[in-house]
Amino acid sequence: GALTPSALVDLMRAYERVKDERRQLDFEDVL
């Protein structure tokens, strides 16, 4: 969409940080 490649990568990293802070795994993390 409107997310540039750098913004998309930043969002992916932020997603992983939030997930780790909450001690959670997503569907793919399970594998």
PDB file of all heavy atoms in Angstrom:
ATOM      1  N   GLY A   1       0.827  -1.195   0.000  1.00  0.00           N
ATOM      2  CA  GLY A   1       0.000   0.000   0.000  1.00  0.00           C
ATOM      3  C   GLY A   1       0.862   1.246   0.000  1.00  0.00           C
ATOM      4  O   GLY A   1       1.794   1.390  -0.793  1.00  0.00           O
ATOM      5  N   ALA A   2       0.578   2.156   0.941  1.00  0.00           N
ATOM      6  CA  ALA A   2       1.347   3.399   1.047  1.00  0.00           C
ATOM      7  C   ALA A   2       2.629   3.226   1.858  1.00  0.00           C
ATOM      8  O   ALA A   2       3.423   4.159   1.967  1.00  0.00           O
ATOM      9  CB  ALA A   2       0.476   4.484   1.683  1.00  0.00           C
ATOM     10  N   LEU A   3       2.843   2.045   2.418  1.00  0.00           N
ATOM     11  CA  LEU A   3       4.052   1.805   3.210  1.00  0.00           C
ATOM     12  C   LEU A   3       5.240   1.561   2.286  1.00  0.00           C
ATOM     13  O   LEU A   3       5.226   0.643   1.462  1.00  0.00           O
ATOM     14  CB  LEU A   3       3.864   0.593   4.123  1.00  0.00           C
ATOM     15  CG  LEU A   3       2.851   0.721   5.261  1.00  0.00           C
ATOM     16  CD1 LEU A   3       2.692  -0.619   5.982  1.00  0.00           C
ATOM     17  CD2 LEU A   3       3.282   1.807   6.248  1.00  0.00           C
ATOM     18  N   THR A   4       6.266   2.396   2.428  1.00  0.00           N
ATOM     19  CA  THR A   4       7.486   2.212   1.653  1.00  0.00           C
ATOM     20  C   THR A   4       8.218   0.981   2.160  1.00  0.00           C
ATOM     21  O   THR A   4       7.931   0.479   3.265  1.00  0.00           O
ATOM     22  CB  THR A   4       8.401   3.434   1.791  1.00  0.00           C
ATOM     23  OG1 THR A   4       8.807   3.547   3.171  1.00  0.00           O
ATOM     24  CG2 THR A   4       7.688   4.705   1.350  1.00  0.00           C
ATOM     25  N   PRO A   5       9.196   0.466   1.401  1.00  0.00           N
ATOM     26  CA  PRO A   5       9.964  -0.688   1.893  1.00  0.00           C
ATOM     27  C   PRO A   5      10.578  -0.457   3.265  1.00  0.00           C
ATOM     28  O   PRO A   5      10.537  -1.350   4.122  1.00  0.00           O
ATOM     29  CB  PRO A   5      11.025  -0.876   0.804  1.00  0.00           C
ATOM     30  CG  PRO A   5      10.370  -0.385  -0.442  1.00  0.00           C
ATOM     31  CD  PRO A   5       9.542   0.791  -0.006  1.00  0.00           C
ATOM     32  N   SER A   6      11.131   0.733   3.499  1.00  0.00           N
ATOM     33  CA  SER A   6      11.760   0.976   4.807  1.00  0.00           C
ATOM     34  C   SER A   6      10.713   1.047   5.916  1.00  0.00           C
ATOM     35  O   SER A   6      10.927   0.528   7.021  1.00  0.00           O
ATOM     36  CB  SER A   6      12.580   2.268   4.769  1.00  0.00           C
ATOM     37  OG  SER A   6      11.747   3.379   4.480  1.00  0.00           O
ATOM     38  N   ALA A   7       9.553   1.680   5.634  1.00  0.00           N
ATOM     39  CA  ALA A   7       8.493   1.752   6.638  1.00  0.00           C
ATOM     40  C   ALA A   7       7.936   0.362   6.944  1.00  0.00           C
ATOM     41  O   ALA A   7       7.614   0.046   8.097  1.00  0.00           O
ATOM     42  CB  ALA A   7       7.376   2.671   6.159  1.00  0.00           C
ATOM     43  N   LEU A   8       7.828  -0.475   5.912  1.00  0.00           N
ATOM     44  CA  LEU A   8       7.326  -1.836   6.111  1.00  0.00           C
ATOM     45  C   LEU A   8       8.267  -2.637   7.006  1.00  0.00           C
ATOM     46  O   LEU A   8       7.823  -3.330   7.927  1.00  0.00           O
ATOM     47  CB  LEU A   8       7.172  -2.522   4.747  1.00  0.00           C
ATOM     48  CG  LEU A   8       6.751  -3.989   4.748  1.00  0.00           C
ATOM     49  CD1 LEU A   8       5.429  -4.176   5.482  1.00  0.00           C
ATOM     50  CD2 LEU A   8       6.644  -4.518   3.317  1.00  0.00           C
ATOM     51  N   VAL A   9       9.570  -2.519   6.764  1.00  0.00           N
ATOM     52  CA  VAL A   9      10.549  -3.233   7.584  1.00  0.00           C
ATOM     53  C   VAL A   9      10.529  -2.701   9.021  1.00  0.00           C
ATOM     54  O   VAL A   9      10.601  -3.476   9.984  1.00  0.00           O
ATOM     55  CB  VAL A   9      11.958  -3.111   6.958  1.00  0.00           C
ATOM     56  CG1 VAL A   9      13.035  -3.583   7.938  1.00  0.00           C
ATOM     57  CG2 VAL A   9      12.025  -3.916   5.670  1.00  0.00           C
ATOM     58  N   ASP A  10      10.412  -1.382   9.182  1.00  0.00           N
ATOM     59  CA  ASP A  10      10.325  -0.814  10.533  1.00  0.00           C
ATOM     60  C   ASP A  10       9.098  -1.347  11.265  1.00  0.00           C
ATOM     61  O   ASP A  10       9.155  -1.650  12.467  1.00  0.00           O
ATOM     62  CB  ASP A  10      10.243   0.715  10.453  1.00  0.00           C
ATOM     63  CG  ASP A  10      11.560   1.352  10.052  1.00  0.00           C
ATOM     64  OD1 ASP A  10      12.595   0.668  10.125  1.00  0.00           O
ATOM     65  OD2 ASP A  10      11.536   2.535   9.652  1.00  0.00           O
ATOM     66  N   LEU A  11       7.979  -1.469  10.551  1.00  0.00           N
ATOM     67  CA  LEU A  11       6.752  -1.977  11.172  1.00  0.00           C
ATOM     68  C   LEU A  11       6.921  -3.440  11.565  1.00  0.00           C
ATOM     69  O   LEU A  11       6.445  -3.859  12.632  1.00  0.00           O
ATOM     70  CB  LEU A  11       5.576  -1.799  10.216  1.00  0.00           C
ATOM     71  CG  LEU A  11       4.203  -2.262  10.717  1.00  0.00           C
ATOM     72  CD1 LEU A  11       3.859  -1.641  12.064  1.00  0.00           C
ATOM     73  CD2 LEU A  11       3.122  -1.949   9.696  1.00  0.00           C
ATOM     74  N   MET A  12       7.585  -4.220  10.725  1.00  0.00           N
ATOM     75  CA  MET A  12       7.832  -5.626  11.077  1.00  0.00           C
ATOM     76  C   MET A  12       8.673  -5.735  12.348  1.00  0.00           C
ATOM     77  O   MET A  12       8.381  -6.560  13.227  1.00  0.00           O
ATOM     78  CB  MET A  12       8.533  -6.338   9.923  1.00  0.00           C
ATOM     79  CG  MET A  12       7.646  -6.637   8.736  1.00  0.00           C
ATOM     80  SD  MET A  12       8.519  -7.661   7.510  1.00  0.00           S
ATOM     81  CE  MET A  12       7.193  -7.981   6.341  1.00  0.00           C
ATOM     82  N   ARG A  13       9.688  -4.893  12.460  1.00  0.00           N
ATOM     83  CA  ARG A  13      10.541  -4.935  13.658  1.00  0.00           C
ATOM     84  C   ARG A  13       9.755  -4.493  14.887  1.00  0.00           C
ATOM     85  O   ARG A  13       9.890  -5.085  15.972  1.00  0.00           O
ATOM     86  CB  ARG A  13      11.770  -4.041  13.451  1.00  0.00           C
ATOM     87  CG  ARG A  13      12.770  -4.590  12.439  1.00  0.00           C
ATOM     88  CD  ARG A  13      14.137  -3.910  12.572  1.00  0.00           C
ATOM     89  NE  ARG A  13      15.128  -4.593  11.757  1.00  0.00           N
ATOM     90  CZ  ARG A  13      15.600  -4.146  10.597  1.00  0.00           C
ATOM     91  NH1 ARG A  13      15.163  -2.981  10.110  1.00  0.00           N
ATOM     92  NH2 ARG A  13      16.510  -4.820   9.925  1.00  0.00           N
ATOM     93  N   ALA A  14       8.929  -3.462  14.735  1.00  0.00           N
ATOM     94  CA  ALA A  14       8.115  -3.004  15.861  1.00  0.00           C
ATOM     95  C   ALA A  14       7.121  -4.074  16.291  1.00  0.00           C
ATOM     96  O   ALA A  14       6.874  -4.272  17.495  1.00  0.00           O
ATOM     97  CB  ALA A  14       7.384  -1.711  15.470  1.00  0.00           C
ATOM     98  N   TYR A  15       6.543  -4.763  15.339  1.00  0.00           N
ATOM     99  CA  TYR A  15       5.613  -5.868  15.631  1.00  0.00           C
ATOM    100  C   TYR A  15       6.303  -6.935  16.471  1.00  0.00           C
ATOM    101  O   TYR A  15       5.736  -7.416  17.472  1.00  0.00           O
ATOM    102  CB  TYR A  15       5.105  -6.450  14.314  1.00  0.00           C
ATOM    103  CG  TYR A  15       4.381  -7.776  14.432  1.00  0.00           C
ATOM    104  CD1 TYR A  15       3.059  -7.843  14.830  1.00  0.00           C
ATOM    105  CD2 TYR A  15       5.044  -8.974  14.116  1.00  0.00           C
ATOM    106  CE1 TYR A  15       2.407  -9.060  14.931  1.00  0.00           C
ATOM    107  CE2 TYR A  15       4.394 -10.194  14.206  1.00  0.00           C
ATOM    108  CZ  TYR A  15       3.081 -10.229  14.612  1.00  0.00           C
ATOM    109  OH  TYR A  15       2.438 -11.443  14.709  1.00  0.00           O
ATOM    110  N   GLU A  16       7.524  -7.305  16.092  1.00  0.00           N
ATOM    111  CA  GLU A  16       8.251  -8.328  16.852  1.00  0.00           C
ATOM    112  C   GLU A  16       8.556  -7.841  18.262  1.00  0.00           C
ATOM    113  O   GLU A  16       8.484  -8.616  19.223  1.00  0.00           O
ATOM    114  CB  GLU A  16       9.543  -8.713  16.119  1.00  0.00           C
ATOM    115  CG  GLU A  16       9.333  -9.380  14.765  1.00  0.00           C
ATOM    116  CD  GLU A  16       8.568 -10.686  14.852  1.00  0.00           C
ATOM    117  OE1 GLU A  16       8.685 -11.400  15.867  1.00  0.00           O
ATOM    118  OE2 GLU A  16       7.828 -11.004  13.895  1.00  0.00           O
ATOM    119  N   ARG A  17       8.886  -6.541  18.410  1.00  0.00           N
ATOM    120  CA  ARG A  17       9.177  -6.005  19.751  1.00  0.00           C
ATOM    121  C   ARG A  17       7.939  -6.064  20.638  1.00  0.00           C
ATOM    122  O   ARG A  17       8.014  -6.501  21.793  1.00  0.00           O
ATOM    123  CB  ARG A  17       9.680  -4.557  19.642  1.00  0.00           C
ATOM    124  CG  ARG A  17      11.109  -4.421  19.157  1.00  0.00           C
ATOM    125  CD  ARG A  17      11.645  -3.020  19.438  1.00  0.00           C
ATOM    126  NE  ARG A  17      10.872  -1.980  18.770  1.00  0.00           N
ATOM    127  CZ  ARG A  17      11.114  -1.541  17.538  1.00  0.00           C
ATOM    128  NH1 ARG A  17      12.123  -2.057  16.842  1.00  0.00           N
ATOM    129  NH2 ARG A  17      10.374  -0.592  17.004  1.00  0.00           N
ATOM    130  N   VAL A  18       6.810  -5.617  20.115  1.00  0.00           N
ATOM    131  CA  VAL A  18       5.576  -5.631  20.911  1.00  0.00           C
ATOM    132  C   VAL A  18       5.212  -7.065  21.294  1.00  0.00           C
ATOM    133  O   VAL A  18       4.825  -7.343  22.439  1.00  0.00           O
ATOM    134  CB  VAL A  18       4.420  -4.968  20.129  1.00  0.00           C
ATOM    135  CG1 VAL A  18       3.098  -5.153  20.865  1.00  0.00           C
ATOM    136  CG2 VAL A  18       4.705  -3.493  19.902  1.00  0.00           C
ATOM    137  N   LYS A  19       5.368  -7.957  20.353  1.00  0.00           N
ATOM    138  CA  LYS A  19       5.030  -9.364  20.606  1.00  0.00           C
ATOM    139  C   LYS A  19       5.933  -9.953  21.699  1.00  0.00           C
ATOM    140  O   LYS A  19       5.457 -10.657  22.605  1.00  0.00           O
ATOM    141  CB  LYS A  19       5.167 -10.155  19.298  1.00  0.00           C
ATOM    142  CG  LYS A  19       4.756 -11.606  19.374  1.00  0.00           C
ATOM    143  CD  LYS A  19       4.493 -12.174  17.989  1.00  0.00           C
ATOM    144  CE  LYS A  19       5.670 -11.966  17.053  1.00  0.00           C
ATOM    145  NZ  LYS A  19       6.860 -12.729  17.490  1.00  0.00           N
ATOM    146  N   ASP A  20       7.229  -9.622  21.634  1.00  0.00           N
ATOM    147  CA  ASP A  20       8.164 -10.138  22.646  1.00  0.00           C
ATOM    148  C   ASP A  20       7.865  -9.537  24.021  1.00  0.00           C
ATOM    149  O   ASP A  20       7.953 -10.234  25.048  1.00  0.00           O
ATOM    150  CB  ASP A  20       9.609  -9.824  22.235  1.00  0.00           C
ATOM    151  CG  ASP A  20      10.057 -10.637  21.028  1.00  0.00           C
ATOM    152  OD1 ASP A  20       9.376 -11.631  20.703  1.00  0.00           O
ATOM    153  OD2 ASP A  20      11.078 -10.276  20.406  1.00  0.00           O
ATOM    154  N   GLU A  21       7.525  -8.254  24.043  1.00  0.00           N
ATOM    155  CA  GLU A  21       7.199  -7.613  25.326  1.00  0.00           C
ATOM    156  C   GLU A  21       5.998  -8.279  25.982  1.00  0.00           C
ATOM    157  O   GLU A  21       5.920  -8.362  27.221  1.00  0.00           O
ATOM    158  CB  GLU A  21       6.909  -6.128  25.099  1.00  0.00           C
ATOM    159  CG  GLU A  21       8.146  -5.304  24.750  1.00  0.00           C
ATOM    160  CD  GLU A  21       7.787  -3.913  24.235  1.00  0.00           C
ATOM    161  OE1 GLU A  21       6.563  -3.608  24.182  1.00  0.00           O
ATOM    162  OE2 GLU A  21       8.696  -3.151  23.862  1.00  0.00           O
ATOM    163  N   ARG A  22       5.083  -8.764  25.174  1.00  0.00           N
ATOM    164  CA  ARG A  22       3.879  -9.416  25.707  1.00  0.00           C
ATOM    165  C   ARG A  22       4.059 -10.919  25.919  1.00  0.00           C
ATOM    166  O   ARG A  22       3.121 -11.601  26.310  1.00  0.00           O
ATOM    167  CB  ARG A  22       2.705  -9.170  24.745  1.00  0.00           C
ATOM    168  CG  ARG A  22       2.337  -7.711  24.585  1.00  0.00           C
ATOM    169  CD  ARG A  22       1.127  -7.539  23.673  1.00  0.00           C
ATOM    170  NE  ARG A  22       0.755  -6.143  23.519  1.00  0.00           N
ATOM    171  CZ  ARG A  22      -0.331  -5.730  22.872  1.00  0.00           C
ATOM    172  NH1 ARG A  22      -1.147  -6.617  22.322  1.00  0.00           N
ATOM    173  NH2 ARG A  22      -0.597  -4.446  22.787  1.00  0.00           N
ATOM    174  N   ARG A  23       5.253 -11.411  25.631  1.00  0.00           N
ATOM    175  CA  ARG A  23       5.555 -12.844  25.743  1.00  0.00           C
ATOM    176  C   ARG A  23       4.536 -13.664  24.951  1.00  0.00           C
ATOM    177  O   ARG A  23       3.877 -14.565  25.471  1.00  0.00           O
ATOM    178  CB  ARG A  23       5.581 -13.317  27.191  1.00  0.00           C
ATOM    179  CG  ARG A  23       6.730 -12.774  28.013  1.00  0.00           C
ATOM    180  CD  ARG A  23       6.930 -13.544  29.305  1.00  0.00           C
ATOM    181  NE  ARG A  23       7.481 -14.861  29.061  1.00  0.00           N
ATOM    182  CZ  ARG A  23       6.785 -16.008  29.178  1.00  0.00           C
ATOM    183  NH1 ARG A  23       5.503 -15.980  29.513  1.00  0.00           N
ATOM    184  NH2 ARG A  23       7.362 -17.170  28.964  1.00  0.00           N
ATOM    185  N   GLN A  24       4.440 -13.345  23.670  1.00  0.00           N
ATOM    186  CA  GLN A  24       3.499 -14.037  22.807  1.00  0.00           C
ATOM    187  C   GLN A  24       4.216 -14.606  21.584  1.00  0.00           C
ATOM    188  O   GLN A  24       5.282 -14.129  21.175  1.00  0.00           O
ATOM    189  CB  GLN A  24       2.391 -13.084  22.342  1.00  0.00           C
ATOM    190  CG  GLN A  24       1.411 -12.683  23.435  1.00  0.00           C
ATOM    191  CD  GLN A  24       0.257 -11.871  22.887  1.00  0.00           C
ATOM    192  OE1 GLN A  24       0.447 -10.864  22.223  1.00  0.00           O
ATOM    193  NE2 GLN A  24      -0.966 -12.320  23.160  1.00  0.00           N
ATOM    194  N   LEU A  25       3.585 -15.620  21.011  1.00  0.00           N
ATOM    195  CA  LEU A  25       4.019 -16.194  19.747  1.00  0.00           C
ATOM    196  C   LEU A  25       2.870 -16.060  18.742  1.00  0.00           C
ATOM    197  O   LEU A  25       1.713 -16.225  19.112  1.00  0.00           O
ATOM    198  CB  LEU A  25       4.349 -17.684  19.891  1.00  0.00           C
ATOM    199  CG  LEU A  25       5.461 -18.092  20.858  1.00  0.00           C
ATOM    200  CD1 LEU A  25       5.549 -19.614  20.934  1.00  0.00           C
ATOM    201  CD2 LEU A  25       6.794 -17.505  20.438  1.00  0.00           C
ATOM    202  N   ASP A  26       3.211 -15.764  17.497  1.00  0.00           N
ATOM    203  CA  ASP A  26       2.165 -15.808  16.483  1.00  0.00           C
ATOM    204  C   ASP A  26       2.149 -17.198  15.849  1.00  0.00           C
ATOM    205  O   ASP A  26       2.920 -18.091  16.221  1.00  0.00           O
ATOM    206  CB  ASP A  26       2.302 -14.683  15.459  1.00  0.00           C
ATOM    207  CG  ASP A  26       3.587 -14.749  14.646  1.00  0.00           C
ATOM    208  OD1 ASP A  26       4.158 -15.850  14.506  1.00  0.00           O
ATOM    209  OD2 ASP A  26       4.027 -13.689  14.142  1.00  0.00           O
ATOM    210  N   PHE A  27       1.239 -17.379  14.904  1.00  0.00           N
ATOM    211  CA  PHE A  27       1.001 -18.695  14.308  1.00  0.00           C
ATOM    212  C   PHE A  27       2.287 -19.290  13.730  1.00  0.00           C
ATOM    213  O   PHE A  27       2.599 -20.466  13.939  1.00  0.00           O
ATOM    214  CB  PHE A  27      -0.046 -18.526  13.205  1.00  0.00           C
ATOM    215  CG  PHE A  27      -0.810 -19.783  12.878  1.00  0.00           C
ATOM    216  CD1 PHE A  27      -1.479 -20.490  13.858  1.00  0.00           C
ATOM    217  CD2 PHE A  27      -0.871 -20.241  11.572  1.00  0.00           C
ATOM    218  CE1 PHE A  27      -2.200 -21.641  13.556  1.00  0.00           C
ATOM    219  CE2 PHE A  27      -1.588 -21.389  11.261  1.00  0.00           C
ATOM    220  CZ  PHE A  27      -2.251 -22.083  12.246  1.00  0.00           C
ATOM    221  N   GLU A  28       3.065 -18.475  13.022  1.00  0.00           N
ATOM    222  CA  GLU A  28       4.298 -18.966  12.398  1.00  0.00           C
ATOM    223  C   GLU A  28       5.403 -19.168  13.426  1.00  0.00           C
ATOM    224  O   GLU A  28       6.236 -20.064  13.271  1.00  0.00           O
ATOM    225  CB  GLU A  28       4.758 -17.986  11.309  1.00  0.00           C
ATOM    226  CG  GLU A  28       3.810 -17.899  10.120  1.00  0.00           C
ATOM    227  CD  GLU A  28       2.481 -17.262  10.462  1.00  0.00           C
ATOM    228  OE1 GLU A  28       2.481 -16.250  11.212  1.00  0.00           O
ATOM    229  OE2 GLU A  28       1.427 -17.777  10.000  1.00  0.00           O
ATOM    230  N   ASP A  29       5.405 -18.350  14.484  1.00  0.00           N
ATOM    231  CA  ASP A  29       6.396 -18.526  15.547  1.00  0.00           C
ATOM    232  C   ASP A  29       6.297 -19.895  16.192  1.00  0.00           C
ATOM    233  O   ASP A  29       7.293 -20.419  16.711  1.00  0.00           O
ATOM    234  CB  ASP A  29       6.202 -17.467  16.638  1.00  0.00           C
ATOM    235  CG  ASP A  29       6.616 -16.081  16.203  1.00  0.00           C
ATOM    236  OD1 ASP A  29       7.443 -15.971  15.281  1.00  0.00           O
ATOM    237  OD2 ASP A  29       6.105 -15.109  16.782  1.00  0.00           O
ATOM    238  N   VAL A  30       5.088 -20.450  16.203  1.00  0.00           N
ATOM    239  CA  VAL A  30       4.908 -21.775  16.810  1.00  0.00           C
ATOM    240  C   VAL A  30       5.825 -22.788  16.121  1.00  0.00           C
ATOM    241  O   VAL A  30       6.508 -23.590  16.772  1.00  0.00           O
ATOM    242  CB  VAL A  30       3.432 -22.217  16.722  1.00  0.00           C
ATOM    243  CG1 VAL A  30       3.281 -23.683  17.115  1.00  0.00           C
ATOM    244  CG2 VAL A  30       2.567 -21.332  17.611  1.00  0.00           C
ATOM    245  N   LEU A  31       5.848 -22.756  14.781  1.00  0.00           N
ATOM    246  CA  LEU A  31       6.730 -23.663  14.049  1.00  0.00           C
ATOM    247  C   LEU A  31       8.190 -23.302  14.262  1.00  0.00           C
ATOM    248  O   LEU A  31       9.050 -24.188  14.446  1.00  0.00           O
ATOM    249  CB  LEU A  31       6.401 -23.630  12.553  1.00  0.00           C
ATOM    250  CG  LEU A  31       4.979 -23.997  12.142  1.00  0.00           C
ATOM    251  CD1 LEU A  31       4.860 -24.029  10.615  1.00  0.00           C
ATOM    252  CD2 LEU A  31       4.574 -25.345  12.709  1.00  0.00           C
TER     253      LEU A  31
END
